[in-house]
Amino acid sequence: MTSTLSPLVRPGLGGGLGDVVRSRFLLKLLVRKELKVRYRGSVLGLLWSYVKPGVQFVVFYVALGVFLGLERSPKNPDGLANYAVYLFSGIVLINFFTEALGNAARSIVGNGGLIKKIYLPRELFPVASVWVSAVHFFPQLVVLLIGCVVSGWRPNLLQLSAAVAGFIIVALLATGLGLLFGAANVYFRDSENIVDMLLMIATWASPVMYSWTMVRDKLGEGFYSVYQANPVTVGVEAFHYAFWLPTTDQSAGIPPHLLSLWIPVGLAVSIVTLLLGQLTFRRLEGRFAQEL
């Protein structure tokens, strides 16, 4: 009589992101719970997804478009046409990235009580944070689409595909960095401060409020190539190509090789970041319960 023994498994170690796919029901529950907790006692609730980016847009538009003259006008023919659409199409993606990464980096520590009580795939918490940010992203996208249609938006299929690719690139990057810093934050709480600095830089390190040509003219082609390889920059430029460019005479153009080179490069960098984040997470998650 023979018996088959199951292989020994390190306690507290799950199956990675594959467990998230297999636990889709738990993921939905976590997303609903996080949304309910976030808006508990709030009068406006999900309407804050419209109010906060709206105020942010008005502040940036007045400061940069009006006061600093980045919007094209008779007095400033070198400015950007439809600067409001240009600005908001970048803001909505940056807001998604900053919220997703900021919440994912704090998700393990924030759910420490639950993690110490029962076992469930720990990757669920950072991934759920990214999904919640996607829920908040959708209302902003609707507002952007309305603004684009009013401005004469007539995109083609390639431009719409670029928008989807840009969102996927930024979502994968936020998930990978969220796994990395979410795990590191359990052991080193300084990770939260590092993430806060990265998010502060992210808004200004991508062409959200200024044109990519300014970066190229100031940094030169060599440094500009490094700048353009940033997945967040690629995502923002993909959104500009999809939402802003069709509302203009398209004379401004897009960064050279955006579709043929930079979108594939941005996707590759985001995938590598996701794999590194998952590897780091799996190496550190075994002692989450003890450290929390």
Protein backbone atom coordinates (compact mmCIF):
# COMPACT_ATOMS: atom_id res chain seq x y z
CA MET A 1 0.00 0.00 0.00
CA THR A 2 1.48 3.30 -1.05
CA SER A 3 0.54 6.79 0.02
CA THR A 4 1.15 10.04 -1.75
CA LEU A 5 2.48 12.80 0.45
CA SER A 6 1.83 16.39 -0.47
CA PRO A 7 4.96 18.52 -0.78
CA LEU A 8 5.78 20.74 2.15
CA VAL A 9 4.73 24.35 1.69
CA ARG A 10 6.29 27.27 3.51
CA PRO A 11 3.67 28.68 5.95
CA GLY A 12 2.11 31.94 4.86
CA LEU A 13 3.35 31.61 1.28
CA GLY A 14 0.71 31.76 -1.43
CA GLY A 15 0.64 31.16 -5.14
CA GLY A 16 1.24 34.71 -6.26
CA LEU A 17 -0.99 36.65 -8.63
CA GLY A 18 -2.47 33.37 -9.82
CA ASP A 19 -4.24 33.15 -6.47
CA VAL A 20 -5.82 36.55 -7.16
CA VAL A 21 -7.32 35.22 -10.39
CA ARG A 22 -8.61 32.14 -8.60
CA SER A 23 -10.02 34.30 -5.79
CA ARG A 24 -11.95 36.75 -7.96
CA PHE A 25 -14.93 36.62 -5.60
CA LEU A 26 -12.78 37.71 -2.65
CA LEU A 27 -11.30 40.47 -4.81
CA LYS A 28 -14.78 41.85 -5.52
CA LEU A 29 -15.63 41.75 -1.81
CA LEU A 30 -12.46 43.64 -0.91
CA VAL A 31 -13.14 46.30 -3.54
CA ARG A 32 -16.70 46.78 -2.26
CA LYS A 33 -15.50 46.91 1.34
CA GLU A 34 -12.84 49.50 0.57
CA LEU A 35 -15.32 51.69 -1.29
CA LYS A 36 -17.85 51.48 1.57
CA VAL A 37 -15.22 52.25 4.22
CA ARG A 38 -13.79 55.15 2.25
CA TYR A 39 -17.14 56.90 1.81
CA ARG A 40 -18.70 55.99 5.15
CA GLY A 41 -20.20 59.13 6.63
CA SER A 42 -19.53 61.11 3.44
CA VAL A 43 -22.25 63.34 2.03
CA LEU A 44 -20.98 63.41 -1.55
CA GLY A 45 -19.67 59.84 -1.64
CA LEU A 46 -18.45 58.84 -5.10
CA LEU A 47 -19.09 62.39 -6.32
CA TRP A 48 -15.73 63.27 -4.77
CA SER A 49 -14.27 61.47 -7.81
CA TYR A 50 -15.58 64.42 -9.83
CA VAL A 51 -15.01 67.25 -7.33
CA LYS A 52 -11.35 66.68 -6.44
CA PRO A 53 -9.97 66.30 -9.98
CA GLY A 54 -12.21 69.16 -11.07
CA VAL A 55 -10.68 71.52 -8.51
CA GLN A 56 -7.19 70.26 -9.36
CA PHE A 57 -7.82 70.90 -13.05
CA VAL A 58 -9.09 74.45 -12.47
CA VAL A 59 -6.06 75.33 -10.32
CA PHE A 60 -3.55 73.99 -12.85
CA TYR A 61 -5.39 75.45 -15.82
CA VAL A 62 -5.54 78.95 -14.36
CA ALA A 63 -1.94 78.85 -13.09
CA LEU A 64 -0.35 77.30 -16.17
CA GLY A 65 -2.73 77.88 -19.04
CA VAL A 66 -3.74 81.45 -18.20
CA PHE A 67 -1.01 82.97 -16.04
CA LEU A 68 2.02 81.20 -17.57
CA GLY A 69 0.58 81.28 -21.07
CA LEU A 70 0.79 77.62 -22.04
CA GLU A 71 -2.57 77.81 -23.85
CA ARG A 72 -2.55 79.01 -27.44
CA SER A 73 -4.07 82.45 -27.91
CA PRO A 74 -3.73 85.38 -30.31
CA LYS A 75 -1.10 86.79 -27.99
CA ASN A 76 0.63 83.40 -27.63
CA PRO A 77 0.53 81.51 -30.96
CA ASP A 78 3.19 79.07 -29.73
CA GLY A 79 0.99 77.70 -26.93
CA LEU A 80 -0.90 74.40 -26.96
CA ALA A 81 -4.26 74.31 -28.72
CA ASN A 82 -7.15 73.07 -26.56
CA TYR A 83 -4.88 73.17 -23.53
CA ALA A 84 -7.80 72.28 -21.24
CA VAL A 85 -8.23 68.89 -22.96
CA TYR A 86 -4.46 68.38 -23.04
CA LEU A 87 -4.17 69.09 -19.33
CA PHE A 88 -7.16 67.04 -18.16
CA SER A 89 -6.30 63.98 -20.30
CA GLY A 90 -2.97 63.82 -18.46
CA ILE A 91 -4.41 64.61 -15.03
CA VAL A 92 -6.93 61.75 -15.06
CA LEU A 93 -4.21 59.17 -15.74
CA ILE A 94 -1.78 60.64 -13.22
CA ASN A 95 -4.54 60.72 -10.60
CA PHE A 96 -5.22 57.04 -11.24
CA PHE A 97 -1.52 56.19 -10.87
CA THR A 98 -0.94 58.21 -7.72
CA GLU A 99 -4.06 56.90 -5.98
CA ALA A 100 -3.41 53.30 -7.02
CA LEU A 101 0.24 53.24 -5.94
CA GLY A 102 -0.32 55.25 -2.76
CA ASN A 103 -3.12 53.00 -1.52
CA ALA A 104 -1.48 49.76 -2.69
CA ALA A 105 1.72 50.62 -0.83
CA ARG A 106 -0.27 50.97 2.42
CA SER A 107 -2.69 48.12 1.80
CA ILE A 108 -0.86 45.35 3.67
CA VAL A 109 -0.22 47.41 6.81
CA GLY A 110 -3.73 48.86 6.61
CA ASN A 111 -5.25 45.37 6.60
CA GLY A 112 -2.88 43.99 9.22
CA GLY A 113 -5.69 42.98 11.57
CA LEU A 114 -7.31 40.83 8.90
CA ILE A 115 -4.01 39.31 7.76
CA LYS A 116 -3.16 38.22 11.33
CA LYS A 117 -6.53 36.52 11.81
CA ILE A 118 -7.04 34.45 8.68
CA TYR A 119 -5.07 33.38 5.65
CA LEU A 120 -6.03 34.59 2.20
CA PRO A 121 -3.87 35.57 -0.78
CA ARG A 122 -2.08 38.71 0.39
CA GLU A 123 -1.72 40.01 -3.17
CA LEU A 124 -5.46 40.63 -3.06
CA PHE A 125 -4.96 43.78 -1.00
CA PRO A 126 -2.65 45.73 -3.38
CA VAL A 127 -4.60 44.53 -6.41
CA ALA A 128 -7.90 45.57 -4.79
CA SER A 129 -6.45 49.04 -4.17
CA VAL A 130 -5.63 49.36 -7.87
CA TRP A 131 -9.17 48.23 -8.77
CA VAL A 132 -10.70 50.82 -6.43
CA SER A 133 -8.59 53.49 -8.12
CA ALA A 134 -9.91 52.27 -11.48
CA VAL A 135 -13.46 52.75 -10.16
CA HIS A 136 -12.57 56.36 -9.33
CA PHE A 137 -10.87 56.75 -12.71
CA PHE A 138 -14.03 55.93 -14.65
CA PRO A 139 -16.09 59.06 -13.70
CA GLN A 140 -13.11 61.25 -14.59
CA LEU A 141 -12.83 59.50 -17.94
CA VAL A 142 -16.51 60.22 -18.61
CA VAL A 143 -15.93 63.94 -17.96
CA LEU A 144 -12.88 63.85 -20.24
CA LEU A 145 -14.90 62.22 -23.03
CA ILE A 146 -17.62 64.86 -22.73
CA GLY A 147 -15.00 67.62 -22.98
CA CYS A 148 -13.41 65.94 -25.99
CA VAL A 149 -16.75 65.57 -27.82
CA VAL A 150 -17.57 69.23 -27.22
CA SER A 151 -14.15 70.12 -28.65
CA GLY A 152 -14.78 68.18 -31.85
CA TRP A 153 -13.21 64.83 -30.93
CA ARG A 154 -13.04 62.43 -33.89
CA PRO A 155 -10.63 59.62 -32.95
CA ASN A 156 -9.69 56.67 -35.11
CA LEU A 157 -9.34 53.06 -34.01
CA LEU A 158 -5.57 53.36 -33.62
CA GLN A 159 -5.93 56.30 -31.23
CA LEU A 160 -8.52 54.47 -29.12
CA SER A 161 -6.22 51.44 -28.99
CA ALA A 162 -3.37 53.69 -27.82
CA ALA A 163 -5.55 54.93 -24.93
CA VAL A 164 -6.25 51.36 -23.83
CA ALA A 165 -2.54 50.52 -24.08
CA GLY A 166 -1.63 53.61 -22.04
CA PHE A 167 -4.03 52.68 -19.27
CA ILE A 168 -2.78 49.07 -19.17
CA ILE A 169 0.84 50.25 -18.99
CA VAL A 170 0.15 52.55 -16.03
CA ALA A 171 -2.07 49.97 -14.26
CA LEU A 172 0.60 47.25 -14.53
CA LEU A 173 3.26 49.68 -13.27
CA ALA A 174 1.11 50.74 -10.30
CA THR A 175 0.39 47.09 -9.44
CA GLY A 176 4.05 46.09 -9.62
CA LEU A 177 5.25 49.02 -7.53
CA GLY A 178 2.31 48.51 -5.16
CA LEU A 179 3.36 44.91 -4.53
CA LEU A 180 6.98 45.96 -4.05
CA PHE A 181 6.38 48.84 -1.65
CA GLY A 182 3.40 47.16 0.01
CA ALA A 183 5.64 44.29 1.08
CA ALA A 184 8.59 46.52 1.99
CA ASN A 185 6.34 48.75 4.09
CA VAL A 186 5.64 45.88 6.48
CA TYR A 187 9.31 45.78 7.45
CA PHE A 188 10.39 49.38 6.77
CA ARG A 189 7.71 52.00 7.37
CA ASP A 190 9.94 54.57 5.67
CA SER A 191 8.66 53.04 2.43
CA GLU A 192 5.52 55.16 2.75
CA ASN A 193 7.61 58.33 2.67
CA ILE A 194 9.53 57.07 -0.36
CA VAL A 195 6.26 56.42 -2.17
CA ASP A 196 4.96 59.88 -1.26
CA MET A 197 8.09 61.45 -2.79
CA LEU A 198 7.76 59.32 -5.93
CA LEU A 199 4.16 60.39 -6.34
CA MET A 200 5.07 64.04 -5.85
CA ILE A 201 7.66 63.71 -8.60
CA ALA A 202 5.39 61.71 -10.92
CA THR A 203 3.08 64.65 -11.66
CA TRP A 204 5.95 66.84 -12.81
CA ALA A 205 8.17 64.15 -14.35
CA SER A 206 5.64 63.44 -17.11
CA PRO A 207 4.30 65.83 -19.78
CA VAL A 208 0.98 66.43 -18.07
CA MET A 209 1.18 70.21 -17.89
CA TYR A 210 3.83 70.94 -20.49
CA SER A 211 4.73 69.71 -23.95
CA TRP A 212 7.21 66.91 -24.68
CA THR A 213 9.02 69.27 -27.04
CA MET A 214 10.10 71.39 -24.07
CA VAL A 215 11.81 68.35 -22.55
CA ARG A 216 13.54 67.45 -25.81
CA ASP A 217 14.75 71.02 -26.39
CA LYS A 218 16.07 71.37 -22.83
CA LEU A 219 17.59 67.90 -22.28
CA GLY A 220 18.70 66.93 -25.76
CA GLU A 221 17.96 63.71 -27.60
CA GLY A 222 20.01 61.44 -25.30
CA PHE A 223 18.38 62.39 -21.99
CA TYR A 224 15.03 62.76 -23.72
CA SER A 225 15.12 59.07 -24.70
CA VAL A 226 15.60 58.12 -21.05
CA TYR A 227 12.76 60.44 -20.07
CA GLN A 228 10.48 58.96 -22.72
CA ALA A 229 11.13 55.37 -21.52
CA ASN A 230 9.25 56.15 -18.29
CA PRO A 231 6.01 54.08 -18.48
CA VAL A 232 4.00 56.93 -16.91
CA THR A 233 5.26 59.30 -19.60
CA VAL A 234 4.33 56.76 -22.27
CA GLY A 235 0.84 56.40 -20.81
CA VAL A 236 0.29 60.16 -20.66
CA GLU A 237 1.48 60.63 -24.24
CA ALA A 238 -0.80 57.78 -25.35
CA PHE A 239 -3.74 59.60 -23.73
CA HIS A 240 -2.74 62.86 -25.42
CA TYR A 241 -2.58 61.03 -28.74
CA ALA A 242 -6.01 59.49 -28.19
CA PHE A 243 -7.97 62.33 -26.57
CA TRP A 244 -6.23 65.64 -27.21
CA LEU A 245 -4.73 65.32 -30.68
CA PRO A 246 -8.07 64.56 -32.43
CA THR A 247 -9.47 67.83 -31.04
CA THR A 248 -6.73 69.88 -32.77
CA ASP A 249 -5.56 70.35 -36.34
CA GLN A 250 -2.96 67.66 -35.44
CA SER A 251 -0.10 69.91 -36.49
CA ALA A 252 1.50 69.60 -33.04
CA GLY A 253 2.21 65.91 -33.61
CA ILE A 254 3.22 63.27 -31.10
CA PRO A 255 6.62 62.10 -29.84
CA PRO A 256 8.48 60.28 -32.63
CA HIS A 257 7.99 56.50 -32.62
CA LEU A 258 5.35 56.61 -29.86
CA LEU A 259 3.36 53.75 -31.35
CA SER A 260 6.17 51.68 -32.83
CA LEU A 261 8.77 52.02 -30.06
CA TRP A 262 7.77 53.78 -26.85
CA ILE A 263 4.46 52.03 -26.17
CA PRO A 264 6.15 48.57 -26.49
CA VAL A 265 9.04 49.82 -24.32
CA GLY A 266 6.65 51.18 -21.68
CA LEU A 267 4.70 47.92 -21.67
CA ALA A 268 7.91 45.89 -21.29
CA VAL A 269 9.14 48.07 -18.40
CA SER A 270 5.78 47.76 -16.63
CA ILE A 271 5.73 43.96 -17.04
CA VAL A 272 9.28 43.66 -15.68
CA THR A 273 8.29 45.90 -12.74
CA LEU A 274 5.25 43.70 -12.09
CA LEU A 275 7.41 40.55 -12.09
CA LEU A 276 9.98 42.12 -9.76
CA GLY A 277 7.21 43.35 -7.46
CA GLN A 278 5.65 39.89 -7.34
CA LEU A 279 9.03 38.23 -6.69
CA THR A 280 9.79 40.63 -3.83
CA PHE A 281 6.32 40.21 -2.40
CA ARG A 282 6.58 36.41 -2.38
CA ARG A 283 9.99 36.52 -0.69
CA LEU A 284 8.72 38.79 2.12
CA GLU A 285 5.12 37.68 2.69
CA GLY A 286 6.02 34.66 4.84
CA ARG A 287 6.52 36.85 7.93
CA PHE A 288 3.79 39.42 7.34
CA ALA A 289 1.65 38.16 10.23
CA GLN A 290 4.59 38.19 12.67
CA GLU A 291 5.82 41.65 11.63
CA LEU A 292 2.37 43.21 11.69
